């Protein structure tokens, strides 16, 4: 757990004193690399679950809608006035 922060500190010091001529993106790669890897894995899992859910919904039996057997007929009332 301590390896990546220590490595990024070493890279920053090496960049500041001129031992390496890397871009700052590469210097801070140990900091944002694991976060990017985690996000990429979560995105792949999200796509997989979405595709599986799509096919489950696509091939699941369709619900039959309720249809009354007969129409309800109400008597016509006439008011006496």
PDB file of N, CA and C in Angstrom:
ATOM      1  N   UNK A   1       0.814  -1.191   0.000  1.00  0.00           N
ATOM      2  CA  UNK A   1       0.000   0.000   0.000  1.00  0.00           C
ATOM      3  C   UNK A   1       0.862   1.262   0.000  1.00  0.00           C
ATOM      4  N   UNK A   2       2.018   1.172   0.551  1.00  0.00           N
ATOM      5  CA  UNK A   2       2.893   2.348   0.637  1.00  0.00           C
ATOM      6  C   UNK A   2       3.800   2.476  -0.579  1.00  0.00           C
ATOM      7  N   UNK A   3       3.835   1.468  -1.437  1.00  0.00           N
ATOM      8  CA  UNK A   3       4.792   1.468  -2.540  1.00  0.00           C
ATOM      9  C   UNK A   3       4.501   2.557  -3.576  1.00  0.00           C
ATOM     10  N   UNK A   4       3.257   2.712  -3.974  1.00  0.00           N
ATOM     11  CA  UNK A   4       2.930   3.685  -5.025  1.00  0.00           C
ATOM     12  C   UNK A   4       3.106   5.141  -4.577  1.00  0.00           C
ATOM     13  N   UNK A   5       2.696   5.534  -3.362  1.00  0.00           N
ATOM     14  CA  UNK A   5       2.998   6.911  -2.938  1.00  0.00           C
ATOM     15  C   UNK A   5       4.499   7.183  -2.822  1.00  0.00           C
ATOM     16  N   UNK A   6       5.238   6.195  -2.339  1.00  0.00           N
ATOM     17  CA  UNK A   6       6.695   6.363  -2.243  1.00  0.00           C
ATOM     18  C   UNK A   6       7.311   6.479  -3.635  1.00  0.00           C
ATOM     19  N   UNK A   7       6.825   5.689  -4.563  1.00  0.00           N
ATOM     20  CA  UNK A   7       7.336   5.747  -5.933  1.00  0.00           C
ATOM     21  C   UNK A   7       7.029   7.092  -6.577  1.00  0.00           C
ATOM     22  N   UNK A   8       5.843   7.630  -6.333  1.00  0.00           N
ATOM     23  CA  UNK A   8       5.525   8.936  -6.910  1.00  0.00           C
ATOM     24  C   UNK A   8       6.377  10.039  -6.293  1.00  0.00           C
ATOM     25  N   UNK A   9       6.683   9.941  -5.005  1.00  0.00           N
ATOM     26  CA  UNK A   9       7.580  10.927  -4.378  1.00  0.00           C
ATOM     27  C   UNK A   9       8.973  10.836  -4.989  1.00  0.00           C
ATOM     28  N   UNK A  10       9.447   9.623  -5.209  1.00  0.00           N
ATOM     29  CA  UNK A  10      10.762   9.446  -5.843  1.00  0.00           C
ATOM     30  C   UNK A  10      10.756  10.030  -7.247  1.00  0.00           C
ATOM     31  N   UNK A  11       9.689   9.796  -8.008  1.00  0.00           N
ATOM     32  CA  UNK A  11       9.611  10.340  -9.367  1.00  0.00           C
ATOM     33  C   UNK A  11       9.567  11.863  -9.371  1.00  0.00           C
ATOM     34  N   UNK A  12       8.826  12.467  -8.433  1.00  0.00           N
ATOM     35  CA  UNK A  12       8.740  13.934  -8.369  1.00  0.00           C
ATOM     36  C   UNK A  12      10.102  14.520  -8.036  1.00  0.00           C
ATOM     37  N   UNK A  13      10.794  13.938  -7.071  1.00  0.00           N
ATOM     38  CA  UNK A  13      12.131  14.438  -6.700  1.00  0.00           C
ATOM     39  C   UNK A  13      13.099  14.281  -7.865  1.00  0.00           C
ATOM     40  N   UNK A  14      13.034  13.127  -8.547  1.00  0.00           N
ATOM     41  CA  UNK A  14      13.919  12.905  -9.692  1.00  0.00           C
ATOM     42  C   UNK A  14      13.611  13.877 -10.825  1.00  0.00           C
ATOM     43  N   UNK A  15      12.352  14.199 -11.014  1.00  0.00           N
ATOM     44  CA  UNK A  15      11.989  15.165 -12.058  1.00  0.00           C
ATOM     45  C   UNK A  15      12.476  16.570 -11.689  1.00  0.00           C
ATOM     46  N   UNK A  16      12.311  16.942 -10.411  1.00  0.00           N
ATOM     47  CA  UNK A  16      12.700  18.290  -9.997  1.00  0.00           C
ATOM     48  C   UNK A  16      14.207  18.515 -10.027  1.00  0.00           C
ATOM     49  N   UNK A  17      14.978  17.475  -9.725  1.00  0.00           N
ATOM     50  CA  UNK A  17      16.437  17.671  -9.771  1.00  0.00           C
ATOM     51  C   UNK A  17      17.019  17.360 -11.143  1.00  0.00           C
ATOM     52  N   UNK A  18      16.187  16.905 -12.075  1.00  0.00           N
ATOM     53  CA  UNK A  18      16.621  16.742 -13.459  1.00  0.00           C
ATOM     54  C   UNK A  18      17.175  15.383 -13.817  1.00  0.00           C
ATOM     55  N   UNK A  19      16.965  14.367 -12.997  1.00  0.00           N
ATOM     56  CA  UNK A  19      17.461  13.032 -13.323  1.00  0.00           C
ATOM     57  C   UNK A  19      16.654  12.381 -14.454  1.00  0.00           C
ATOM     58  N   UNK A  20      15.386  12.703 -14.518  1.00  0.00           N
ATOM     59  CA  UNK A  20      14.545  12.142 -15.582  1.00  0.00           C
ATOM     60  C   UNK A  20      13.917  13.290 -16.354  1.00  0.00           C
ATOM     61  N   UNK A  21      13.657  13.037 -17.607  1.00  0.00           N
ATOM     62  CA  UNK A  21      13.055  14.055 -18.467  1.00  0.00           C
ATOM     63  C   UNK A  21      11.695  13.553 -18.967  1.00  0.00           C
ATOM     64  N   UNK A  22      10.855  13.127 -18.016  1.00  0.00           N
ATOM     65  CA  UNK A  22       9.543  12.606 -18.347  1.00  0.00           C
ATOM     66  C   UNK A  22       8.509  13.719 -18.286  1.00  0.00           C
ATOM     67  N   UNK A  23       7.384  13.459 -18.890  1.00  0.00           N
ATOM     68  CA  UNK A  23       6.253  14.355 -18.742  1.00  0.00           C
ATOM     69  C   UNK A  23       5.705  14.222 -17.316  1.00  0.00           C
ATOM     70  N   UNK A  24       5.021  15.290 -16.866  1.00  0.00           N
ATOM     71  CA  UNK A  24       4.453  15.230 -15.526  1.00  0.00           C
ATOM     72  C   UNK A  24       3.344  14.186 -15.439  1.00  0.00           C
ATOM     73  N   UNK A  25       2.725  13.863 -16.580  1.00  0.00           N
ATOM     74  CA  UNK A  25       1.713  12.802 -16.582  1.00  0.00           C
ATOM     75  C   UNK A  25       2.335  11.467 -16.184  1.00  0.00           C
ATOM     76  N   UNK A  26       3.535  11.190 -16.695  1.00  0.00           N
ATOM     77  CA  UNK A  26       4.203   9.943 -16.335  1.00  0.00           C
ATOM     78  C   UNK A  26       4.746   9.978 -14.911  1.00  0.00           C
ATOM     79  N   UNK A  27       5.136  11.161 -14.442  1.00  0.00           N
ATOM     80  CA  UNK A  27       5.653  11.272 -13.082  1.00  0.00           C
ATOM     81  C   UNK A  27       4.547  10.943 -12.069  1.00  0.00           C
ATOM     82  N   UNK A  28       3.325  11.419 -12.333  1.00  0.00           N
ATOM     83  CA  UNK A  28       2.233  11.173 -11.413  1.00  0.00           C
ATOM     84  C   UNK A  28       1.405   9.938 -11.775  1.00  0.00           C
ATOM     85  N   UNK A  29       1.887   9.117 -12.684  1.00  0.00           N
ATOM     86  CA  UNK A  29       1.168   7.900 -13.064  1.00  0.00           C
ATOM     87  C   UNK A  29       0.944   6.942 -11.888  1.00  0.00           C
ATOM     88  N   UNK A  30       1.854   6.799 -10.939  1.00  0.00           N
ATOM     89  CA  UNK A  30       1.541   5.925  -9.796  1.00  0.00           C
ATOM     90  C   UNK A  30       0.382   6.429  -8.941  1.00  0.00           C
ATOM     91  N   UNK A  31       0.048   7.702  -9.052  1.00  0.00           N
ATOM     92  CA  UNK A  31      -1.056   8.242  -8.260  1.00  0.00           C
ATOM     93  C   UNK A  31      -2.385   7.978  -8.962  1.00  0.00           C
ATOM     94  N   UNK A  32      -2.498   8.316 -10.233  1.00  0.00           N
ATOM     95  CA  UNK A  32      -3.778   8.178 -10.923  1.00  0.00           C
ATOM     96  C   UNK A  32      -3.899   6.867 -11.685  1.00  0.00           C
ATOM     97  N   UNK A  33      -2.848   6.097 -11.795  1.00  0.00           N
ATOM     98  CA  UNK A  33      -2.896   4.816 -12.506  1.00  0.00           C
ATOM     99  C   UNK A  33      -3.853   3.801 -11.889  1.00  0.00           C
ATOM    100  N   UNK A  34      -3.768   3.550 -10.587  1.00  0.00           N
ATOM    101  CA  UNK A  34      -4.707   2.594  -9.990  1.00  0.00           C
ATOM    102  C   UNK A  34      -6.166   3.062 -10.056  1.00  0.00           C
ATOM    103  N   UNK A  35      -6.389   4.353  -9.941  1.00  0.00           N
ATOM    104  CA  UNK A  35      -7.751   4.876 -10.049  1.00  0.00           C
ATOM    105  C   UNK A  35      -8.276   4.667 -11.472  1.00  0.00           C
ATOM    106  N   UNK A  36      -7.455   4.937 -12.453  1.00  0.00           N
ATOM    107  CA  UNK A  36      -7.855   4.712 -13.846  1.00  0.00           C
ATOM    108  C   UNK A  36      -8.095   3.241 -14.146  1.00  0.00           C
ATOM    109  N   UNK A  37      -7.260   2.379 -13.584  1.00  0.00           N
ATOM    110  CA  UNK A  37      -7.448   0.943 -13.770  1.00  0.00           C
ATOM    111  C   UNK A  37      -8.757   0.486 -13.140  1.00  0.00           C
ATOM    112  N   UNK A  38      -9.055   0.984 -11.943  1.00  0.00           N
ATOM    113  CA  UNK A  38     -10.301   0.635 -11.262  1.00  0.00           C
ATOM    114  C   UNK A  38     -11.500   1.124 -12.075  1.00  0.00           C
ATOM    115  N   UNK A  39     -11.429   2.348 -12.582  1.00  0.00           N
ATOM    116  CA  UNK A  39     -12.531   2.877 -13.399  1.00  0.00           C
ATOM    117  C   UNK A  39     -12.724   2.069 -14.677  1.00  0.00           C
ATOM    118  N   UNK A  40     -11.627   1.656 -15.299  1.00  0.00           N
ATOM    119  CA  UNK A  40     -11.725   0.850 -16.522  1.00  0.00           C
ATOM    120  C   UNK A  40     -12.370  -0.502 -16.231  1.00  0.00           C
ATOM    121  N   UNK A  41     -12.009  -1.124 -15.121  1.00  0.00           N
ATOM    122  CA  UNK A  41     -12.604  -2.412 -14.751  1.00  0.00           C
ATOM    123  C   UNK A  41     -14.087  -2.245 -14.452  1.00  0.00           C
ATOM    124  N   UNK A  42     -14.456  -1.188 -13.738  1.00  0.00           N
ATOM    125  CA  UNK A  42     -15.866  -0.948 -13.434  1.00  0.00           C
ATOM    126  C   UNK A  42     -16.671  -0.671 -14.712  1.00  0.00           C
ATOM    127  N   UNK A  43     -16.077   0.025 -15.675  1.00  0.00           N
ATOM    128  CA  UNK A  43     -16.753   0.290 -16.943  1.00  0.00           C
ATOM    129  C   UNK A  43     -16.982  -1.004 -17.716  1.00  0.00           C
ATOM    130  N   UNK A  44     -15.998  -1.881 -17.732  1.00  0.00           N
ATOM    131  CA  UNK A  44     -16.142  -3.171 -18.415  1.00  0.00           C
ATOM    132  C   UNK A  44     -17.228  -4.009 -17.751  1.00  0.00           C
ATOM    133  N   UNK A  45     -17.269  -4.016 -16.414  1.00  0.00           N
ATOM    134  CA  UNK A  45     -18.316  -4.752 -15.700  1.00  0.00           C
ATOM    135  C   UNK A  45     -19.686  -4.154 -16.009  1.00  0.00           C
ATOM    136  N   UNK A  46     -19.770  -2.831 -16.057  1.00  0.00           N
ATOM    137  CA  UNK A  46     -21.040  -2.163 -16.374  1.00  0.00           C
ATOM    138  C   UNK A  46     -21.534  -2.549 -17.773  1.00  0.00           C
ATOM    139  N   UNK A  47     -20.644  -2.554 -18.751  1.00  0.00           N
ATOM    140  CA  UNK A  47     -21.030  -2.924 -20.116  1.00  0.00           C
ATOM    141  C   UNK A  47     -21.483  -4.380 -20.155  1.00  0.00           C
ATOM    142  N   UNK A  48     -20.761  -5.265 -19.469  1.00  0.00           N
ATOM    143  CA  UNK A  48     -21.121  -6.679 -19.448  1.00  0.00           C
ATOM    144  C   UNK A  48     -22.496  -6.889 -18.828  1.00  0.00           C
ATOM    145  N   UNK A  49     -22.750  -6.263 -17.689  1.00  0.00           N
ATOM    146  CA  UNK A  49     -24.043  -6.404 -17.019  1.00  0.00           C
ATOM    147  C   UNK A  49     -25.163  -5.808 -17.874  1.00  0.00           C
ATOM    148  N   UNK A  50     -24.902  -4.706 -18.554  1.00  0.00           N
ATOM    149  CA  UNK A  50     -25.916  -4.102 -19.419  1.00  0.00           C
ATOM    150  C   UNK A  50     -26.272  -5.009 -20.590  1.00  0.00           C
ATOM    151  N   UNK A  51     -25.283  -5.628 -21.201  1.00  0.00           N
ATOM    152  CA  UNK A  51     -25.545  -6.525 -22.329  1.00  0.00           C
ATOM    153  C   UNK A  51     -26.309  -7.759 -21.859  1.00  0.00           C
ATOM    154  N   UNK A  52     -25.907  -8.331 -20.724  1.00  0.00           N
ATOM    155  CA  UNK A  52     -26.618  -9.499 -20.201  1.00  0.00           C
ATOM    156  C   UNK A  52     -28.056  -9.138 -19.863  1.00  0.00           C
ATOM    157  N   UNK A  53     -28.264  -7.992 -19.237  1.00  0.00           N
ATOM    158  CA  UNK A  53     -29.619  -7.559 -18.896  1.00  0.00           C
ATOM    159  C   UNK A  53     -30.445  -7.326 -20.159  1.00  0.00           C
ATOM    160  N   UNK A  54     -29.849  -6.776 -21.198  1.00  0.00           N
ATOM    161  CA  UNK A  54     -30.559  -6.561 -22.456  1.00  0.00           C
ATOM    162  C   UNK A  54     -31.065  -7.883 -23.021  1.00  0.00           C
ATOM    163  N   UNK A  55     -30.201  -8.911 -23.025  1.00  0.00           N
ATOM    164  CA  UNK A  55     -30.612 -10.195 -23.569  1.00  0.00           C
ATOM    165  C   UNK A  55     -31.609 -10.912 -22.664  1.00  0.00           C
ATOM    166  N   UNK A  56     -31.525 -10.706 -21.369  1.00  0.00           N
ATOM    167  CA  UNK A  56     -32.522 -11.285 -20.467  1.00  0.00           C
ATOM    168  C   UNK A  56     -33.885 -10.673 -20.748  1.00  0.00           C
ATOM    169  N   UNK A  57     -33.938  -9.369 -20.905  1.00  0.00           N
ATOM    170  CA  UNK A  57     -35.209  -8.706 -21.196  1.00  0.00           C
ATOM    171  C   UNK A  57     -35.698  -9.075 -22.591  1.00  0.00           C
ATOM    172  N   UNK A  58     -34.788  -9.206 -23.540  1.00  0.00           N
ATOM    173  CA  UNK A  58     -35.173  -9.520 -24.912  1.00  0.00           C
ATOM    174  C   UNK A  58     -35.802 -10.905 -25.032  1.00  0.00           C
ATOM    175  N   UNK A  59     -35.241 -11.885 -24.342  1.00  0.00           N
ATOM    176  CA  UNK A  59     -35.706 -13.260 -24.486  1.00  0.00           C
ATOM    177  C   UNK A  59     -36.602 -13.723 -23.348  1.00  0.00           C
ATOM    178  N   UNK A  60     -36.997 -12.855 -22.451  1.00  0.00           N
ATOM    179  CA  UNK A  60     -37.910 -13.256 -21.380  1.00  0.00           C
ATOM    180  C   UNK A  60     -39.329 -13.340 -21.943  1.00  0.00           C
ATOM    181  N   UNK A  61     -40.162 -14.173 -21.333  1.00  0.00           N
ATOM    182  CA  UNK A  61     -41.537 -14.268 -21.848  1.00  0.00           C
ATOM    183  C   UNK A  61     -42.269 -12.944 -21.669  1.00  0.00           C
ATOM    184  N   UNK A  62     -43.038 -12.626 -22.677  1.00  0.00           N
ATOM    185  CA  UNK A  62     -43.747 -11.358 -22.660  1.00  0.00           C
ATOM    186  C   UNK A  62     -44.965 -11.455 -21.738  1.00  0.00           C
ATOM    187  N   UNK A  63     -45.268 -10.428 -20.980  1.00  0.00           N
ATOM    188  CA  UNK A  63     -46.446 -10.494 -20.108  1.00  0.00           C
ATOM    189  C   UNK A  63     -47.736 -10.405 -20.922  1.00  0.00           C
ATOM    190  N   UNK A  64     -48.705 -11.147 -20.487  1.00  0.00           N
ATOM    191  CA  UNK A  64     -50.002 -11.087 -21.144  1.00  0.00           C
ATOM    192  C   UNK A  64     -50.823 -10.026 -20.439  1.00  0.00           C
ATOM    193  N   UNK A  65     -51.369  -9.148 -21.215  1.00  0.00           N
ATOM    194  CA  UNK A  65     -52.104  -8.044 -20.649  1.00  0.00           C
ATOM    195  C   UNK A  65     -53.499  -8.499 -20.245  1.00  0.00           C
ATOM    196  N   UNK A  66     -54.014  -7.894 -19.221  1.00  0.00           N
ATOM    197  CA  UNK A  66     -55.336  -8.245 -18.714  1.00  0.00           C
ATOM    198  C   UNK A  66     -56.414  -7.771 -19.684  1.00  0.00           C
ATOM    199  N   UNK A  67     -57.273  -8.687 -20.083  1.00  0.00           N
ATOM    200  CA  UNK A  67     -58.423  -8.347 -20.906  1.00  0.00           C
ATOM    201  C   UNK A  67     -59.657  -8.883 -20.202  1.00  0.00           C
ATOM    202  N   UNK A  68     -60.597  -8.024 -19.914  1.00  0.00           N
ATOM    203  CA  UNK A  68     -61.814  -8.537 -19.263  1.00  0.00           C
ATOM    204  C   UNK A  68     -62.571  -9.470 -20.199  1.00  0.00           C
ATOM    205  N   UNK A  69     -63.209 -10.459 -19.636  1.00  0.00           N
ATOM    206  CA  UNK A  69     -63.935 -11.443 -20.441  1.00  0.00           C
ATOM    207  C   UNK A  69     -65.207 -10.864 -21.045  1.00  0.00           C
ATOM    208  N   UNK A  70     -65.835  -9.953 -20.353  1.00  0.00           N
ATOM    209  CA  UNK A  70     -67.050  -9.336 -20.886  1.00  0.00           C
ATOM    210  C   UNK A  70     -67.066  -7.875 -20.490  1.00  0.00           C
ATOM    211  N   UNK A  71     -67.751  -7.128 -21.256  1.00  0.00           N
ATOM    212  CA  UNK A  71     -67.854  -5.715 -20.940  1.00  0.00           C
ATOM    213  C   UNK A  71     -68.846  -5.519 -19.808  1.00  0.00           C
ATOM    214  N   UNK A  72     -68.544  -4.590 -18.962  1.00  0.00           N
ATOM    215  CA  UNK A  72     -69.473  -4.274 -17.892  1.00  0.00           C
ATOM    216  C   UNK A  72     -70.533  -3.326 -18.429  1.00  0.00           C
ATOM    217  N   UNK A  73     -71.769  -3.724 -18.303  1.00  0.00           N
ATOM    218  CA  UNK A  73     -72.858  -2.893 -18.790  1.00  0.00           C
ATOM    219  C   UNK A  73     -73.676  -2.421 -17.594  1.00  0.00           C
ATOM    220  N   UNK A  74     -73.744  -1.156 -17.496  1.00  0.00           N
ATOM    221  CA  UNK A  74     -74.511  -0.574 -16.404  1.00  0.00           C
ATOM    222  C   UNK A  74     -75.893  -0.214 -16.914  1.00  0.00           C
ATOM    223  N   UNK A  75     -76.910  -0.417 -16.098  1.00  0.00           N
ATOM    224  CA  UNK A  75     -78.270  -0.054 -16.552  1.00  0.00           C
ATOM    225  C   UNK A  75     -78.407   1.453 -16.680  1.00  0.00           C
ATOM    226  N   UNK A  76     -79.212   1.858 -17.607  1.00  0.00           N
ATOM    227  CA  UNK A  76     -79.435   3.282 -17.817  1.00  0.00           C
ATOM    228  C   UNK A  76     -80.530   3.741 -16.854  1.00  0.00           C
ATOM    229  N   UNK A  77     -80.157   4.572 -15.975  1.00  0.00           N
ATOM    230  CA  UNK A  77     -81.134   5.087 -15.003  1.00  0.00           C
ATOM    231  C   UNK A  77     -81.751   6.366 -15.528  1.00  0.00           C
ATOM    232  N   UNK A  78     -83.043   6.489 -15.329  1.00  0.00           N
ATOM    233  CA  UNK A  78     -83.733   7.712 -15.706  1.00  0.00           C
ATOM    234  C   UNK A  78     -84.212   8.369 -14.427  1.00  0.00           C
ATOM    235  N   UNK A  79     -83.855   9.600 -14.317  1.00  0.00           N
ATOM    236  CA  UNK A  79     -84.285  10.317 -13.127  1.00  0.00           C
ATOM    237  C   UNK A  79     -85.732  10.770 -13.306  1.00  0.00           C
ATOM    238  N   UNK A  80     -86.520  10.776 -12.247  1.00  0.00           N
ATOM    239  CA  UNK A  80     -87.942  11.121 -12.378  1.00  0.00           C
ATOM    240  C   UNK A  80     -88.224  12.596 -12.599  1.00  0.00           C
ATOM    241  N   UNK A  81     -87.333  13.449 -12.662  1.00  0.00           N
ATOM    242  CA  UNK A  81     -87.621  14.874 -12.848  1.00  0.00           C
ATOM    243  C   UNK A  81     -87.191  15.373 -14.200  1.00  0.00           C
TER     244      UNK A  81
END
